[in-house]
Amino acid sequence: MHLGEAHRKVAEKRHMNVVIAGHISSDNLGVNLILDEVLKKGKLRIIPCSGFRRFSRLKNKK
């Protein structure tokens, strides 16, 4: 979410790409990845709220 000038220079020196993402988008990414793993083990009802949006990376099993 944050990158100071010193860290930016190190990343540039090492030819690294850096993605700066906002708080909610970072949280959504992490929580969605965790929920994908939880859902592999069983059913779970997920109710998106308070800025959270559910995006599954699991393939539909129909």
PDB file of N, CA and C in Angstrom:
ATOM      1  N   MET A   1       0.816  -1.186   0.000  1.00  0.00           N
ATOM      2  CA  MET A   1       0.000   0.000   0.000  1.00  0.00           C
ATOM      3  C   MET A   1       0.863   1.254   0.000  1.00  0.00           C
ATOM      4  N   HIS A   2       2.068   1.173   0.534  1.00  0.00           N
ATOM      5  CA  HIS A   2       2.917   2.354   0.633  1.00  0.00           C
ATOM      6  C   HIS A   2       4.311   2.004   0.125  1.00  0.00           C
ATOM      7  N   LEU A   3       4.998   2.989  -0.422  1.00  0.00           N
ATOM      8  CA  LEU A   3       6.366   2.789  -0.877  1.00  0.00           C
ATOM      9  C   LEU A   3       7.113   4.102  -0.721  1.00  0.00           C
ATOM     10  N   GLY A   4       8.068   4.095   0.181  1.00  0.00           N
ATOM     11  CA  GLY A   4       8.871   5.295   0.394  1.00  0.00           C
ATOM     12  C   GLY A   4       9.900   5.460  -0.721  1.00  0.00           C
ATOM     13  N   GLU A   5      10.488   6.633  -0.778  1.00  0.00           N
ATOM     14  CA  GLU A   5      11.452   6.951  -1.834  1.00  0.00           C
ATOM     15  C   GLU A   5      12.652   6.012  -1.795  1.00  0.00           C
ATOM     16  N   ALA A   6      13.146   5.697  -0.612  1.00  0.00           N
ATOM     17  CA  ALA A   6      14.308   4.809  -0.492  1.00  0.00           C
ATOM     18  C   ALA A   6      13.992   3.417  -1.058  1.00  0.00           C
ATOM     19  N   HIS A   7      12.800   2.905  -0.726  1.00  0.00           N
ATOM     20  CA  HIS A   7      12.411   1.585  -1.235  1.00  0.00           C
ATOM     21  C   HIS A   7      12.165   1.635  -2.749  1.00  0.00           C
ATOM     22  N   ARG A   8      11.626   2.742  -3.235  1.00  0.00           N
ATOM     23  CA  ARG A   8      11.411   2.879  -4.675  1.00  0.00           C
ATOM     24  C   ARG A   8      12.734   2.816  -5.427  1.00  0.00           C
ATOM     25  N   LYS A   9      13.755   3.471  -4.867  1.00  0.00           N
ATOM     26  CA  LYS A   9      15.072   3.474  -5.506  1.00  0.00           C
ATOM     27  C   LYS A   9      15.692   2.073  -5.521  1.00  0.00           C
ATOM     28  N   VAL A  10      15.509   1.333  -4.435  1.00  0.00           N
ATOM     29  CA  VAL A  10      16.018  -0.045  -4.389  1.00  0.00           C
ATOM     30  C   VAL A  10      15.309  -0.903  -5.431  1.00  0.00           C
ATOM     31  N   ALA A  11      13.991  -0.775  -5.518  1.00  0.00           N
ATOM     32  CA  ALA A  11      13.228  -1.542  -6.505  1.00  0.00           C
ATOM     33  C   ALA A  11      13.678  -1.189  -7.916  1.00  0.00           C
ATOM     34  N   GLU A  12      13.879   0.090  -8.184  1.00  0.00           N
ATOM     35  CA  GLU A  12      14.315   0.530  -9.507  1.00  0.00           C
ATOM     36  C   GLU A  12      15.708  -0.032  -9.828  1.00  0.00           C
ATOM     37  N   LYS A  13      16.596   0.019  -8.858  1.00  0.00           N
ATOM     38  CA  LYS A  13      17.964  -0.488  -9.040  1.00  0.00           C
ATOM     39  C   LYS A  13      17.954  -1.983  -9.365  1.00  0.00           C
ATOM     40  N   ARG A  14      17.023  -2.719  -8.769  1.00  0.00           N
ATOM     41  CA  ARG A  14      16.941  -4.174  -8.978  1.00  0.00           C
ATOM     42  C   ARG A  14      15.982  -4.548 -10.109  1.00  0.00           C
ATOM     43  N   HIS A  15      15.526  -3.547 -10.848  1.00  0.00           N
ATOM     44  CA  HIS A  15      14.615  -3.756 -11.992  1.00  0.00           C
ATOM     45  C   HIS A  15      13.346  -4.500 -11.576  1.00  0.00           C
ATOM     46  N   MET A  16      12.791  -4.095 -10.442  1.00  0.00           N
ATOM     47  CA  MET A  16      11.578  -4.728  -9.914  1.00  0.00           C
ATOM     48  C   MET A  16      10.356  -3.876 -10.245  1.00  0.00           C
ATOM     49  N   ASN A  17       9.259  -4.537 -10.556  1.00  0.00           N
ATOM     50  CA  ASN A  17       7.976  -3.863 -10.717  1.00  0.00           C
ATOM     51  C   ASN A  17       7.301  -3.809  -9.354  1.00  0.00           C
ATOM     52  N   VAL A  18       6.660  -2.702  -9.057  1.00  0.00           N
ATOM     53  CA  VAL A  18       5.961  -2.525  -7.790  1.00  0.00           C
ATOM     54  C   VAL A  18       4.546  -2.066  -8.096  1.00  0.00           C
ATOM     55  N   VAL A  19       3.582  -2.711  -7.462  1.00  0.00           N
ATOM     56  CA  VAL A  19       2.185  -2.317  -7.618  1.00  0.00           C
ATOM     57  C   VAL A  19       1.738  -1.676  -6.314  1.00  0.00           C
ATOM     58  N   ILE A  20       1.271  -0.445  -6.403  1.00  0.00           N
ATOM     59  CA  ILE A  20       0.760   0.256  -5.233  1.00  0.00           C
ATOM     60  C   ILE A  20      -0.768   0.134  -5.288  1.00  0.00           C
ATOM     61  N   ALA A  21      -1.333  -0.513  -4.290  1.00  0.00           N
ATOM     62  CA  ALA A  21      -2.779  -0.716  -4.250  1.00  0.00           C
ATOM     63  C   ALA A  21      -3.336  -0.089  -2.978  1.00  0.00           C
ATOM     64  N   GLY A  22      -4.533   0.396  -3.071  1.00  0.00           N
ATOM     65  CA  GLY A  22      -5.187   0.996  -1.916  1.00  0.00           C
ATOM     66  C   GLY A  22      -5.563  -0.029  -0.860  1.00  0.00           C
ATOM     67  N   HIS A  23      -5.944   0.463   0.301  1.00  0.00           N
ATOM     68  CA  HIS A  23      -6.260  -0.383   1.451  1.00  0.00           C
ATOM     69  C   HIS A  23      -7.374  -1.376   1.156  1.00  0.00           C
ATOM     70  N   ILE A  24      -8.513  -0.897   0.665  1.00  0.00           N
ATOM     71  CA  ILE A  24      -9.659  -1.787   0.444  1.00  0.00           C
ATOM     72  C   ILE A  24      -9.369  -2.800  -0.651  1.00  0.00           C
ATOM     73  N   SER A  25      -8.730  -2.366  -1.745  1.00  0.00           N
ATOM     74  CA  SER A  25      -8.436  -3.324  -2.821  1.00  0.00           C
ATOM     75  C   SER A  25      -7.453  -4.386  -2.342  1.00  0.00           C
ATOM     76  N   SER A  26      -6.476  -4.009  -1.524  1.00  0.00           N
ATOM     77  CA  SER A  26      -5.532  -4.993  -0.978  1.00  0.00           C
ATOM     78  C   SER A  26      -6.241  -5.975  -0.058  1.00  0.00           C
ATOM     79  N   ASP A  27      -7.103  -5.469   0.803  1.00  0.00           N
ATOM     80  CA  ASP A  27      -7.867  -6.337   1.701  1.00  0.00           C
ATOM     81  C   ASP A  27      -8.754  -7.283   0.910  1.00  0.00           C
ATOM     82  N   ASN A  28      -9.431  -6.758  -0.115  1.00  0.00           N
ATOM     83  CA  ASN A  28     -10.317  -7.600  -0.916  1.00  0.00           C
ATOM     84  C   ASN A  28      -9.540  -8.726  -1.580  1.00  0.00           C
ATOM     85  N   LEU A  29      -8.388  -8.433  -2.096  1.00  0.00           N
ATOM     86  CA  LEU A  29      -7.579  -9.460  -2.739  1.00  0.00           C
ATOM     87  C   LEU A  29      -7.227 -10.556  -1.752  1.00  0.00           C
ATOM     88  N   GLY A  30      -6.699 -10.181  -0.602  1.00  0.00           N
ATOM     89  CA  GLY A  30      -6.293 -11.163   0.403  1.00  0.00           C
ATOM     90  C   GLY A  30      -7.444 -11.986   0.938  1.00  0.00           C
ATOM     91  N   VAL A  31      -8.538 -11.333   1.274  1.00  0.00           N
ATOM     92  CA  VAL A  31      -9.695 -12.038   1.829  1.00  0.00           C
ATOM     93  C   VAL A  31     -10.295 -12.980   0.780  1.00  0.00           C
ATOM     94  N   ASN A  32     -10.369 -12.553  -0.464  1.00  0.00           N
ATOM     95  CA  ASN A  32     -10.907 -13.417  -1.511  1.00  0.00           C
ATOM     96  C   ASN A  32     -10.038 -14.655  -1.716  1.00  0.00           C
ATOM     97  N   LEU A  33      -8.735 -14.512  -1.659  1.00  0.00           N
ATOM     98  CA  LEU A  33      -7.842 -15.667  -1.797  1.00  0.00           C
ATOM     99  C   LEU A  33      -8.022 -16.642  -0.633  1.00  0.00           C
ATOM    100  N   ILE A  34      -8.164 -16.105   0.576  1.00  0.00           N
ATOM    101  CA  ILE A  34      -8.398 -16.966   1.747  1.00  0.00           C
ATOM    102  C   ILE A  34      -9.739 -17.687   1.623  1.00  0.00           C
ATOM    103  N   LEU A  35     -10.778 -16.967   1.202  1.00  0.00           N
ATOM    104  CA  LEU A  35     -12.102 -17.588   1.061  1.00  0.00           C
ATOM    105  C   LEU A  35     -12.093 -18.681   0.003  1.00  0.00           C
ATOM    106  N   ASP A  36     -11.338 -18.510  -1.080  1.00  0.00           N
ATOM    107  CA  ASP A  36     -11.218 -19.571  -2.080  1.00  0.00           C
ATOM    108  C   ASP A  36     -10.685 -20.852  -1.439  1.00  0.00           C
ATOM    109  N   GLU A  37      -9.697 -20.725  -0.576  1.00  0.00           N
ATOM    110  CA  GLU A  37      -9.124 -21.902   0.084  1.00  0.00           C
ATOM    111  C   GLU A  37     -10.116 -22.524   1.068  1.00  0.00           C
ATOM    112  N   VAL A  38     -10.831 -21.686   1.815  1.00  0.00           N
ATOM    113  CA  VAL A  38     -11.829 -22.192   2.764  1.00  0.00           C
ATOM    114  C   VAL A  38     -12.928 -22.945   2.018  1.00  0.00           C
ATOM    115  N   LEU A  39     -13.378 -22.399   0.894  1.00  0.00           N
ATOM    116  CA  LEU A  39     -14.464 -23.027   0.129  1.00  0.00           C
ATOM    117  C   LEU A  39     -14.052 -24.359  -0.488  1.00  0.00           C
ATOM    118  N   LYS A  40     -12.783 -24.591  -0.668  1.00  0.00           N
ATOM    119  CA  LYS A  40     -12.318 -25.891  -1.177  1.00  0.00           C
ATOM    120  C   LYS A  40     -12.613 -27.003  -0.174  1.00  0.00           C
ATOM    121  N   LYS A  41     -12.753 -26.644   1.108  1.00  0.00           N
ATOM    122  CA  LYS A  41     -12.959 -27.622   2.169  1.00  0.00           C
ATOM    123  C   LYS A  41     -14.426 -27.827   2.515  1.00  0.00           C
ATOM    124  N   GLY A  42     -15.321 -27.007   1.956  1.00  0.00           N
ATOM    125  CA  GLY A  42     -16.734 -27.153   2.267  1.00  0.00           C
ATOM    126  C   GLY A  42     -17.526 -25.923   1.895  1.00  0.00           C
ATOM    127  N   LYS A  43     -18.824 -25.996   2.185  1.00  0.00           N
ATOM    128  CA  LYS A  43     -19.718 -24.886   1.861  1.00  0.00           C
ATOM    129  C   LYS A  43     -19.585 -23.773   2.886  1.00  0.00           C
ATOM    130  N   LEU A  44     -19.809 -22.573   2.400  1.00  0.00           N
ATOM    131  CA  LEU A  44     -19.757 -21.392   3.257  1.00  0.00           C
ATOM    132  C   LEU A  44     -20.615 -20.317   2.603  1.00  0.00           C
ATOM    133  N   ARG A  45     -21.481 -19.695   3.362  1.00  0.00           N
ATOM    134  CA  ARG A  45     -22.280 -18.590   2.844  1.00  0.00           C
ATOM    135  C   ARG A  45     -21.513 -17.300   3.090  1.00  0.00           C
ATOM    136  N   ILE A  46     -21.240 -16.578   2.017  1.00  0.00           N
ATOM    137  CA  ILE A  46     -20.456 -15.352   2.108  1.00  0.00           C
ATOM    138  C   ILE A  46     -21.365 -14.170   1.803  1.00  0.00           C
ATOM    139  N   ILE A  47     -21.384 -13.192   2.708  1.00  0.00           N
ATOM    140  CA  ILE A  47     -22.208 -12.008   2.529  1.00  0.00           C
ATOM    141  C   ILE A  47     -21.288 -10.796   2.390  1.00  0.00           C
ATOM    142  N   PRO A  48     -21.134 -10.269   1.166  1.00  0.00           N
ATOM    143  CA  PRO A  48     -20.289  -9.081   0.981  1.00  0.00           C
ATOM    144  C   PRO A  48     -20.876  -7.885   1.740  1.00  0.00           C
ATOM    145  N   CYS A  49     -20.034  -7.120   2.422  1.00  0.00           N
ATOM    146  CA  CYS A  49     -20.492  -5.943   3.151  1.00  0.00           C
ATOM    147  C   CYS A  49     -19.315  -5.022   3.444  1.00  0.00           C
ATOM    148  N   SER A  50     -19.596  -3.810   3.801  1.00  0.00           N
ATOM    149  CA  SER A  50     -18.621  -2.828   4.266  1.00  0.00           C
ATOM    150  C   SER A  50     -17.410  -2.693   3.337  1.00  0.00           C
ATOM    151  N   GLY A  51     -17.665  -2.585   2.044  1.00  0.00           N
ATOM    152  CA  GLY A  51     -16.578  -2.401   1.085  1.00  0.00           C
ATOM    153  C   GLY A  51     -16.004  -3.686   0.529  1.00  0.00           C
ATOM    154  N   PHE A  52     -16.356  -4.845   1.126  1.00  0.00           N
ATOM    155  CA  PHE A  52     -15.859  -6.130   0.627  1.00  0.00           C
ATOM    156  C   PHE A  52     -16.702  -6.605  -0.537  1.00  0.00           C
ATOM    157  N   ARG A  53     -16.049  -7.027  -1.608  1.00  0.00           N
ATOM    158  CA  ARG A  53     -16.721  -7.617  -2.766  1.00  0.00           C
ATOM    159  C   ARG A  53     -16.114  -8.986  -3.012  1.00  0.00           C
ATOM    160  N   ARG A  54     -16.967  -9.968  -3.233  1.00  0.00           N
ATOM    161  CA  ARG A  54     -16.507 -11.339  -3.431  1.00  0.00           C
ATOM    162  C   ARG A  54     -16.224 -11.594  -4.901  1.00  0.00           C
ATOM    163  N   PHE A  55     -14.994 -12.001  -5.195  1.00  0.00           N
ATOM    164  CA  PHE A  55     -14.580 -12.434  -6.532  1.00  0.00           C
ATOM    165  C   PHE A  55     -13.855 -13.748  -6.362  1.00  0.00           C
ATOM    166  N   SER A  56     -14.486 -14.821  -6.799  1.00  0.00           N
ATOM    167  CA  SER A  56     -13.907 -16.144  -6.657  1.00  0.00           C
ATOM    168  C   SER A  56     -12.986 -16.454  -7.828  1.00  0.00           C
ATOM    169  N   ARG A  57     -11.899 -17.107  -7.534  1.00  0.00           N
ATOM    170  CA  ARG A  57     -10.997 -17.582  -8.578  1.00  0.00           C
ATOM    171  C   ARG A  57     -11.156 -19.082  -8.798  1.00  0.00           C
ATOM    172  N   LEU A  58     -12.112 -19.672  -8.081  1.00  0.00           N
ATOM    173  CA  LEU A  58     -12.395 -21.091  -8.245  1.00  0.00           C
ATOM    174  C   LEU A  58     -13.253 -21.298  -9.489  1.00  0.00           C
ATOM    175  N   LYS A  59     -13.019 -22.411 -10.157  1.00  0.00           N
ATOM    176  CA  LYS A  59     -13.858 -22.714 -11.330  1.00  0.00           C
ATOM    177  C   LYS A  59     -15.197 -23.241 -10.866  1.00  0.00           C
ATOM    178  N   ASN A  60     -16.276 -22.839 -11.572  1.00  0.00           N
ATOM    179  CA  ASN A  60     -17.617 -23.323 -11.243  1.00  0.00           C
ATOM    180  C   ASN A  60     -17.697 -24.825 -11.469  1.00  0.00           C
ATOM    181  N   LYS A  61     -18.268 -25.531 -10.510  1.00  0.00           N
ATOM    182  CA  LYS A  61     -18.444 -26.985 -10.639  1.00  0.00           C
ATOM    183  C   LYS A  61     -19.917 -27.256 -10.842  1.00  0.00           C
ATOM    184  N   LYS A  62     -20.358 -27.159 -12.096  1.00  0.00           N
ATOM    185  CA  LYS A  62     -21.775 -27.402 -12.402  1.00  0.00           C
ATOM    186  C   LYS A  62     -21.935 -28.662 -13.198  1.00  0.00           C
TER     187      LYS A  62
END
